[in-house]
């Protein structure tokens, strides 16, 4: 009997991303992803070049996605885009 401890996800209509249906699932997946990246970095011996998921966000289709982009850089990027389109 296998033990599947993964978090349930489904493909999202916004692209090639994994979509989590609830914040709880996204938070659980975030913790698992960070732990996996840390184990991998420890095995390699360096964290340089690693993209570690930092947070999750809700897309326009109502699913949650993981991202390595922090909130401040996202806010800066979106504010610049809004200024250009005005």
PDB file of N, CA and C in Angstrom:
ATOM      1  N   UNK A   1       0.843  -1.174   0.000  1.00  0.00           N
ATOM      2  CA  UNK A   1       0.000   0.000   0.000  1.00  0.00           C
ATOM      3  C   UNK A   1       0.889   1.238   0.000  1.00  0.00           C
ATOM      4  N   UNK A   2       0.638   2.156  -0.925  1.00  0.00           N
ATOM      5  CA  UNK A   2       1.467   3.349  -1.017  1.00  0.00           C
ATOM      6  C   UNK A   2       0.903   4.458  -0.135  1.00  0.00           C
ATOM      7  N   UNK A   3       1.782   5.333   0.282  1.00  0.00           N
ATOM      8  CA  UNK A   3       1.394   6.462   1.124  1.00  0.00           C
ATOM      9  C   UNK A   3       1.591   7.735   0.312  1.00  0.00           C
ATOM     10  N   UNK A   4       0.513   8.317  -0.157  1.00  0.00           N
ATOM     11  CA  UNK A   4       0.590   9.528  -0.958  1.00  0.00           C
ATOM     12  C   UNK A   4       0.330  10.730  -0.065  1.00  0.00           C
ATOM     13  N   UNK A   5       1.385  11.474   0.237  1.00  0.00           N
ATOM     14  CA  UNK A   5       1.253  12.636   1.109  1.00  0.00           C
ATOM     15  C   UNK A   5       1.191  13.937   0.317  1.00  0.00           C
ATOM     16  N   UNK A   6       1.080  13.860  -0.987  1.00  0.00           N
ATOM     17  CA  UNK A   6       1.033  15.051  -1.812  1.00  0.00           C
ATOM     18  C   UNK A   6      -0.256  15.831  -1.618  1.00  0.00           C
ATOM     19  N   UNK A   7      -0.251  17.042  -2.090  1.00  0.00           N
ATOM     20  CA  UNK A   7      -1.412  17.915  -1.993  1.00  0.00           C
ATOM     21  C   UNK A   7      -2.159  17.861  -3.325  1.00  0.00           C
ATOM     22  N   UNK A   8      -3.449  17.728  -3.259  1.00  0.00           N
ATOM     23  CA  UNK A   8      -4.262  17.637  -4.476  1.00  0.00           C
ATOM     24  C   UNK A   8      -4.213  18.953  -5.252  1.00  0.00           C
ATOM     25  N   UNK A   9      -4.011  18.853  -6.553  1.00  0.00           N
ATOM     26  CA  UNK A   9      -3.986  20.024  -7.426  1.00  0.00           C
ATOM     27  C   UNK A   9      -4.614  19.646  -8.749  1.00  0.00           C
ATOM     28  N   UNK A  10      -4.913  20.676  -9.532  1.00  0.00           N
ATOM     29  CA  UNK A  10      -5.436  20.446 -10.877  1.00  0.00           C
ATOM     30  C   UNK A  10      -4.869  21.507 -11.805  1.00  0.00           C
ATOM     31  N   UNK A  11      -4.796  21.212 -13.095  1.00  0.00           N
ATOM     32  CA  UNK A  11      -4.282  22.207 -14.046  1.00  0.00           C
ATOM     33  C   UNK A  11      -5.201  23.429 -14.076  1.00  0.00           C
ATOM     34  N   UNK A  12      -4.597  24.584 -14.186  1.00  0.00           N
ATOM     35  CA  UNK A  12      -5.370  25.827 -14.207  1.00  0.00           C
ATOM     36  C   UNK A  12      -5.582  26.279 -15.647  1.00  0.00           C
ATOM     37  N   UNK A  13      -6.666  26.984 -15.873  1.00  0.00           N
ATOM     38  CA  UNK A  13      -6.976  27.503 -17.211  1.00  0.00           C
ATOM     39  C   UNK A  13      -6.102  28.701 -17.588  1.00  0.00           C
ATOM     40  N   UNK A  14      -5.375  29.273 -16.634  1.00  0.00           N
ATOM     41  CA  UNK A  14      -4.563  30.459 -16.920  1.00  0.00           C
ATOM     42  C   UNK A  14      -3.213  30.106 -17.555  1.00  0.00           C
ATOM     43  N   UNK A  15      -2.845  28.859 -17.586  1.00  0.00           N
ATOM     44  CA  UNK A  15      -1.546  28.509 -18.175  1.00  0.00           C
ATOM     45  C   UNK A  15      -1.110  27.114 -17.782  1.00  0.00           C
ATOM     46  N   UNK A  16       0.185  26.950 -17.596  1.00  0.00           N
ATOM     47  CA  UNK A  16       0.757  25.640 -17.292  1.00  0.00           C
ATOM     48  C   UNK A  16       1.067  25.481 -15.807  1.00  0.00           C
ATOM     49  N   UNK A  17       0.263  26.092 -14.967  1.00  0.00           N
ATOM     50  CA  UNK A  17       0.536  26.076 -13.536  1.00  0.00           C
ATOM     51  C   UNK A  17      -0.364  25.100 -12.809  1.00  0.00           C
ATOM     52  N   UNK A  18       0.116  24.660 -11.659  1.00  0.00           N
ATOM     53  CA  UNK A  18      -0.701  23.830 -10.790  1.00  0.00           C
ATOM     54  C   UNK A  18      -1.646  24.741 -10.018  1.00  0.00           C
ATOM     55  N   UNK A  19      -2.909  24.385  -9.984  1.00  0.00           N
ATOM     56  CA  UNK A  19      -3.892  25.172  -9.260  1.00  0.00           C
ATOM     57  C   UNK A  19      -4.366  24.421  -8.025  1.00  0.00           C
ATOM     58  N   UNK A  20      -4.338  25.098  -6.894  1.00  0.00           N
ATOM     59  CA  UNK A  20      -4.825  24.532  -5.645  1.00  0.00           C
ATOM     60  C   UNK A  20      -6.173  25.171  -5.341  1.00  0.00           C
ATOM     61  N   UNK A  21      -7.128  24.364  -4.907  1.00  0.00           N
ATOM     62  CA  UNK A  21      -8.496  24.844  -4.780  1.00  0.00           C
ATOM     63  C   UNK A  21      -8.749  25.654  -3.515  1.00  0.00           C
ATOM     64  N   UNK A  22      -7.907  25.527  -2.503  1.00  0.00           N
ATOM     65  CA  UNK A  22      -8.114  26.285  -1.268  1.00  0.00           C
ATOM     66  C   UNK A  22      -6.792  26.870  -0.775  1.00  0.00           C
ATOM     67  N   UNK A  23      -6.916  27.871   0.077  1.00  0.00           N
ATOM     68  CA  UNK A  23      -5.719  28.467   0.669  1.00  0.00           C
ATOM     69  C   UNK A  23      -4.983  27.448   1.535  1.00  0.00           C
ATOM     70  N   UNK A  24      -5.727  26.584   2.199  1.00  0.00           N
ATOM     71  CA  UNK A  24      -5.109  25.564   3.043  1.00  0.00           C
ATOM     72  C   UNK A  24      -4.248  24.626   2.207  1.00  0.00           C
ATOM     73  N   UNK A  25      -4.767  24.184   1.063  1.00  0.00           N
ATOM     74  CA  UNK A  25      -3.988  23.306   0.183  1.00  0.00           C
ATOM     75  C   UNK A  25      -2.754  24.027  -0.351  1.00  0.00           C
ATOM     76  N   UNK A  26      -2.922  25.299  -0.713  1.00  0.00           N
ATOM     77  CA  UNK A  26      -1.786  26.075  -1.230  1.00  0.00           C
ATOM     78  C   UNK A  26      -0.728  26.261  -0.150  1.00  0.00           C
ATOM     79  N   UNK A  27      -1.167  26.526   1.073  1.00  0.00           N
ATOM     80  CA  UNK A  27      -0.227  26.714   2.177  1.00  0.00           C
ATOM     81  C   UNK A  27       0.518  25.417   2.470  1.00  0.00           C
ATOM     82  N   UNK A  28      -0.184  24.308   2.437  1.00  0.00           N
ATOM     83  CA  UNK A  28       0.443  23.002   2.660  1.00  0.00           C
ATOM     84  C   UNK A  28       1.447  22.691   1.548  1.00  0.00           C
ATOM     85  N   UNK A  29       1.066  22.963   0.298  1.00  0.00           N
ATOM     86  CA  UNK A  29       1.970  22.735  -0.831  1.00  0.00           C
ATOM     87  C   UNK A  29       3.182  23.650  -0.749  1.00  0.00           C
ATOM     88  N   UNK A  30       2.993  24.884  -0.286  1.00  0.00           N
ATOM     89  CA  UNK A  30       4.105  25.819  -0.130  1.00  0.00           C
ATOM     90  C   UNK A  30       5.114  25.278   0.870  1.00  0.00           C
ATOM     91  N   UNK A  31       4.644  24.789   2.000  1.00  0.00           N
ATOM     92  CA  UNK A  31       5.545  24.215   3.006  1.00  0.00           C
ATOM     93  C   UNK A  31       6.305  23.016   2.476  1.00  0.00           C
ATOM     94  N   UNK A  32       5.624  22.161   1.725  1.00  0.00           N
ATOM     95  CA  UNK A  32       6.274  20.983   1.148  1.00  0.00           C
ATOM     96  C   UNK A  32       7.307  21.381   0.097  1.00  0.00           C
ATOM     97  N   UNK A  33       6.966  22.368  -0.726  1.00  0.00           N
ATOM     98  CA  UNK A  33       7.889  22.814  -1.771  1.00  0.00           C
ATOM     99  C   UNK A  33       9.142  23.439  -1.158  1.00  0.00           C
ATOM    100  N   UNK A  34       8.959  24.263  -0.117  1.00  0.00           N
ATOM    101  CA  UNK A  34      10.112  24.885   0.531  1.00  0.00           C
ATOM    102  C   UNK A  34      11.009  23.833   1.179  1.00  0.00           C
ATOM    103  N   UNK A  35      10.402  22.846   1.817  1.00  0.00           N
ATOM    104  CA  UNK A  35      11.191  21.781   2.443  1.00  0.00           C
ATOM    105  C   UNK A  35      11.967  20.994   1.392  1.00  0.00           C
ATOM    106  N   UNK A  36      11.328  20.713   0.279  1.00  0.00           N
ATOM    107  CA  UNK A  36      12.003  19.975  -0.795  1.00  0.00           C
ATOM    108  C   UNK A  36      13.170  20.779  -1.352  1.00  0.00           C
ATOM    109  N   UNK A  37      12.967  22.075  -1.585  1.00  0.00           N
ATOM    110  CA  UNK A  37      14.052  22.915  -2.109  1.00  0.00           C
ATOM    111  C   UNK A  37      15.204  23.000  -1.114  1.00  0.00           C
ATOM    112  N   UNK A  38      14.879  23.094   0.174  1.00  0.00           N
ATOM    113  CA  UNK A  38      15.941  23.160   1.182  1.00  0.00           C
ATOM    114  C   UNK A  38      16.729  21.857   1.252  1.00  0.00           C
ATOM    115  N   UNK A  39      16.035  20.720   1.167  1.00  0.00           N
ATOM    116  CA  UNK A  39      16.740  19.430   1.161  1.00  0.00           C
ATOM    117  C   UNK A  39      17.644  19.322  -0.054  1.00  0.00           C
ATOM    118  N   UNK A  40      17.152  19.766  -1.197  1.00  0.00           N
ATOM    119  CA  UNK A  40      17.949  19.714  -2.425  1.00  0.00           C
ATOM    120  C   UNK A  40      19.176  20.622  -2.328  1.00  0.00           C
ATOM    121  N   UNK A  41      18.977  21.822  -1.797  1.00  0.00           N
ATOM    122  CA  UNK A  41      20.096  22.759  -1.652  1.00  0.00           C
ATOM    123  C   UNK A  41      21.140  22.208  -0.684  1.00  0.00           C
ATOM    124  N   UNK A  42      20.692  21.584   0.382  1.00  0.00           N
ATOM    125  CA  UNK A  42      21.640  20.988   1.329  1.00  0.00           C
ATOM    126  C   UNK A  42      22.429  19.852   0.678  1.00  0.00           C
ATOM    127  N   UNK A  43      21.774  19.082  -0.175  1.00  0.00           N
ATOM    128  CA  UNK A  43      22.465  17.981  -0.861  1.00  0.00           C
ATOM    129  C   UNK A  43      23.486  18.515  -1.850  1.00  0.00           C
ATOM    130  N   UNK A  44      23.149  19.602  -2.532  1.00  0.00           N
ATOM    131  CA  UNK A  44      24.068  20.203  -3.505  1.00  0.00           C
ATOM    132  C   UNK A  44      25.201  20.930  -2.787  1.00  0.00           C
ATOM    133  N   UNK A  45      24.871  21.572  -1.660  1.00  0.00           N
ATOM    134  CA  UNK A  45      25.865  22.310  -0.897  1.00  0.00           C
ATOM    135  C   UNK A  45      25.783  23.807  -1.076  1.00  0.00           C
ATOM    136  N   UNK A  46      24.831  24.292  -1.864  1.00  0.00           N
ATOM    137  CA  UNK A  46      24.668  25.731  -2.061  1.00  0.00           C
ATOM    138  C   UNK A  46      23.211  26.037  -2.395  1.00  0.00           C
ATOM    139  N   UNK A  47      22.804  27.260  -2.080  1.00  0.00           N
ATOM    140  CA  UNK A  47      21.452  27.700  -2.422  1.00  0.00           C
ATOM    141  C   UNK A  47      21.466  28.696  -3.585  1.00  0.00           C
ATOM    142  N   UNK A  48      22.610  28.880  -4.177  1.00  0.00           N
ATOM    143  CA  UNK A  48      22.719  29.824  -5.302  1.00  0.00           C
ATOM    144  C   UNK A  48      21.937  29.295  -6.502  1.00  0.00           C
ATOM    145  N   UNK A  49      21.155  30.186  -7.105  1.00  0.00           N
ATOM    146  CA  UNK A  49      20.407  29.825  -8.292  1.00  0.00           C
ATOM    147  C   UNK A  49      19.116  29.071  -8.025  1.00  0.00           C
ATOM    148  N   UNK A  50      18.808  28.837  -6.764  1.00  0.00           N
ATOM    149  CA  UNK A  50      17.590  28.118  -6.423  1.00  0.00           C
ATOM    150  C   UNK A  50      16.399  29.072  -6.416  1.00  0.00           C
ATOM    151  N   UNK A  51      15.312  28.654  -7.027  1.00  0.00           N
ATOM    152  CA  UNK A  51      14.056  29.401  -6.952  1.00  0.00           C
ATOM    153  C   UNK A  51      13.213  28.740  -5.878  1.00  0.00           C
ATOM    154  N   UNK A  52      13.102  29.404  -4.740  1.00  0.00           N
ATOM    155  CA  UNK A  52      12.348  28.852  -3.620  1.00  0.00           C
ATOM    156  C   UNK A  52      11.012  29.572  -3.544  1.00  0.00           C
ATOM    157  N   UNK A  53       9.950  28.809  -3.539  1.00  0.00           N
ATOM    158  CA  UNK A  53       8.621  29.390  -3.474  1.00  0.00           C
ATOM    159  C   UNK A  53       8.474  30.169  -2.172  1.00  0.00           C
ATOM    160  N   UNK A  54       8.000  31.402  -2.276  1.00  0.00           N
ATOM    161  CA  UNK A  54       7.895  32.284  -1.116  1.00  0.00           C
ATOM    162  C   UNK A  54       6.464  32.484  -0.632  1.00  0.00           C
ATOM    163  N   UNK A  55       5.508  32.389  -1.553  1.00  0.00           N
ATOM    164  CA  UNK A  55       4.131  32.682  -1.198  1.00  0.00           C
ATOM    165  C   UNK A  55       3.196  32.061  -2.220  1.00  0.00           C
ATOM    166  N   UNK A  56       1.904  32.218  -1.986  1.00  0.00           N
ATOM    167  CA  UNK A  56       0.906  31.785  -2.954  1.00  0.00           C
ATOM    168  C   UNK A  56      -0.032  32.948  -3.230  1.00  0.00           C
ATOM    169  N   UNK A  57      -0.709  32.899  -4.344  1.00  0.00           N
ATOM    170  CA  UNK A  57      -1.637  33.964  -4.724  1.00  0.00           C
ATOM    171  C   UNK A  57      -2.827  33.356  -5.451  1.00  0.00           C
ATOM    172  N   UNK A  58      -3.911  34.093  -5.509  1.00  0.00           N
ATOM    173  CA  UNK A  58      -5.106  33.630  -6.195  1.00  0.00           C
ATOM    174  C   UNK A  58      -5.145  34.227  -7.597  1.00  0.00           C
ATOM    175  N   UNK A  59      -5.351  33.376  -8.585  1.00  0.00           N
ATOM    176  CA  UNK A  59      -5.399  33.851  -9.970  1.00  0.00           C
ATOM    177  C   UNK A  59      -6.829  34.285 -10.325  1.00  0.00           C
ATOM    178  N   UNK A  60      -6.994  34.778 -11.540  1.00  0.00           N
ATOM    179  CA  UNK A  60      -8.293  35.253 -12.002  1.00  0.00           C
ATOM    180  C   UNK A  60      -9.324  34.136 -12.129  1.00  0.00           C
ATOM    181  N   UNK A  61      -8.866  32.894 -12.190  1.00  0.00           N
ATOM    182  CA  UNK A  61      -9.768  31.754 -12.336  1.00  0.00           C
ATOM    183  C   UNK A  61     -10.159  31.134 -10.996  1.00  0.00           C
ATOM    184  N   UNK A  62      -9.723  31.734  -9.893  1.00  0.00           N
ATOM    185  CA  UNK A  62     -10.130  31.289  -8.567  1.00  0.00           C
ATOM    186  C   UNK A  62      -9.281  30.198  -7.947  1.00  0.00           C
ATOM    187  N   UNK A  63      -8.193  29.821  -8.579  1.00  0.00           N
ATOM    188  CA  UNK A  63      -7.285  28.836  -8.011  1.00  0.00           C
ATOM    189  C   UNK A  63      -6.064  29.535  -7.421  1.00  0.00           C
ATOM    190  N   UNK A  64      -5.346  28.835  -6.576  1.00  0.00           N
ATOM    191  CA  UNK A  64      -4.161  29.391  -5.929  1.00  0.00           C
ATOM    192  C   UNK A  64      -2.909  28.782  -6.544  1.00  0.00           C
ATOM    193  N   UNK A  65      -1.879  29.616  -6.745  1.00  0.00           N
ATOM    194  CA  UNK A  65      -0.611  29.193  -7.337  1.00  0.00           C
ATOM    195  C   UNK A  65       0.540  29.565  -6.415  1.00  0.00           C
ATOM    196  N   UNK A  66       1.627  28.798  -6.490  1.00  0.00           N
ATOM    197  CA  UNK A  66       2.853  29.099  -5.753  1.00  0.00           C
ATOM    198  C   UNK A  66       3.744  29.973  -6.620  1.00  0.00           C
ATOM    199  N   UNK A  67       4.492  30.877  -5.987  1.00  0.00           N
ATOM    200  CA  UNK A  67       5.429  31.712  -6.726  1.00  0.00           C
ATOM    201  C   UNK A  67       6.658  32.002  -5.876  1.00  0.00           C
ATOM    202  N   UNK A  68       7.775  32.193  -6.545  1.00  0.00           N
ATOM    203  CA  UNK A  68       9.005  32.555  -5.841  1.00  0.00           C
ATOM    204  C   UNK A  68       9.188  34.073  -5.785  1.00  0.00           C
ATOM    205  N   UNK A  69       8.297  34.806  -6.428  1.00  0.00           N
ATOM    206  CA  UNK A  69       8.380  36.272  -6.424  1.00  0.00           C
ATOM    207  C   UNK A  69       7.798  36.819  -5.123  1.00  0.00           C
ATOM    208  N   UNK A  70       8.559  37.697  -4.455  1.00  0.00           N
ATOM    209  CA  UNK A  70       8.049  38.241  -3.198  1.00  0.00           C
ATOM    210  C   UNK A  70       7.042  39.367  -3.464  1.00  0.00           C
ATOM    211  N   UNK A  71       6.318  39.748  -2.440  1.00  0.00           N
ATOM    212  CA  UNK A  71       5.229  40.725  -2.598  1.00  0.00           C
ATOM    213  C   UNK A  71       5.727  42.098  -3.042  1.00  0.00           C
ATOM    214  N   UNK A  72       6.856  42.538  -2.513  1.00  0.00           N
ATOM    215  CA  UNK A  72       7.337  43.879  -2.849  1.00  0.00           C
ATOM    216  C   UNK A  72       7.741  43.990  -4.319  1.00  0.00           C
ATOM    217  N   UNK A  73       8.411  42.978  -4.864  1.00  0.00           N
ATOM    218  CA  UNK A  73       8.786  43.052  -6.274  1.00  0.00           C
ATOM    219  C   UNK A  73       7.553  42.934  -7.171  1.00  0.00           C
ATOM    220  N   UNK A  74       6.561  42.157  -6.744  1.00  0.00           N
ATOM    221  CA  UNK A  74       5.309  42.065  -7.504  1.00  0.00           C
ATOM    222  C   UNK A  74       4.598  43.417  -7.510  1.00  0.00           C
ATOM    223  N   UNK A  75       4.524  44.065  -6.357  1.00  0.00           N
ATOM    224  CA  UNK A  75       3.862  45.363  -6.271  1.00  0.00           C
ATOM    225  C   UNK A  75       4.594  46.408  -7.112  1.00  0.00           C
ATOM    226  N   UNK A  76       5.918  46.385  -7.071  1.00  0.00           N
ATOM    227  CA  UNK A  76       6.704  47.325  -7.874  1.00  0.00           C
ATOM    228  C   UNK A  76       6.469  47.083  -9.362  1.00  0.00           C
ATOM    229  N   UNK A  77       6.484  45.824  -9.768  1.00  0.00           N
ATOM    230  CA  UNK A  77       6.288  45.488 -11.178  1.00  0.00           C
ATOM    231  C   UNK A  77       4.899  45.874 -11.663  1.00  0.00           C
ATOM    232  N   UNK A  78       3.882  45.591 -10.880  1.00  0.00           N
ATOM    233  CA  UNK A  78       2.516  45.902 -11.311  1.00  0.00           C
ATOM    234  C   UNK A  78       2.252  47.399 -11.289  1.00  0.00           C
ATOM    235  N   UNK A  79       2.846  48.124 -10.353  1.00  0.00           N
ATOM    236  CA  UNK A  79       2.678  49.579 -10.330  1.00  0.00           C
ATOM    237  C   UNK A  79       3.354  50.219 -11.532  1.00  0.00           C
ATOM    238  N   UNK A  80       4.500  49.699 -11.941  1.00  0.00           N
ATOM    239  CA  UNK A  80       5.178  50.220 -13.129  1.00  0.00           C
ATOM    240  C   UNK A  80       4.337  49.955 -14.373  1.00  0.00           C
ATOM    241  N   UNK A  81       3.737  48.778 -14.441  1.00  0.00           N
ATOM    242  CA  UNK A  81       2.907  48.443 -15.597  1.00  0.00           C
ATOM    243  C   UNK A  81       1.669  49.329 -15.655  1.00  0.00           C
ATOM    244  N   UNK A  82       1.070  49.639 -14.503  1.00  0.00           N
ATOM    245  CA  UNK A  82      -0.096  50.502 -14.474  1.00  0.00           C
ATOM    246  C   UNK A  82       0.277  51.921 -14.907  1.00  0.00           C
ATOM    247  N   UNK A  83       1.460  52.388 -14.507  1.00  0.00           N
ATOM    248  CA  UNK A  83       1.899  53.730 -14.873  1.00  0.00           C
ATOM    249  C   UNK A  83       2.144  53.835 -16.382  1.00  0.00           C
ATOM    250  N   UNK A  84       2.650  52.771 -16.987  1.00  0.00           N
ATOM    251  CA  UNK A  84       2.938  52.770 -18.416  1.00  0.00           C
ATOM    252  C   UNK A  84       1.626  52.762 -19.225  1.00  0.00           C
ATOM    253  N   UNK A  85       0.620  52.049 -18.739  1.00  0.00           N
ATOM    254  CA  UNK A  85      -0.632  51.936 -19.492  1.00  0.00           C
ATOM    255  C   UNK A  85      -1.511  53.158 -19.358  1.00  0.00           C
ATOM    256  N   UNK A  86      -1.249  54.042 -18.394  1.00  0.00           N
ATOM    257  CA  UNK A  86      -2.089  55.252 -18.207  1.00  0.00           C
ATOM    258  C   UNK A  86      -1.757  56.320 -19.206  1.00  0.00           C
TER     259      UNK A  86
END
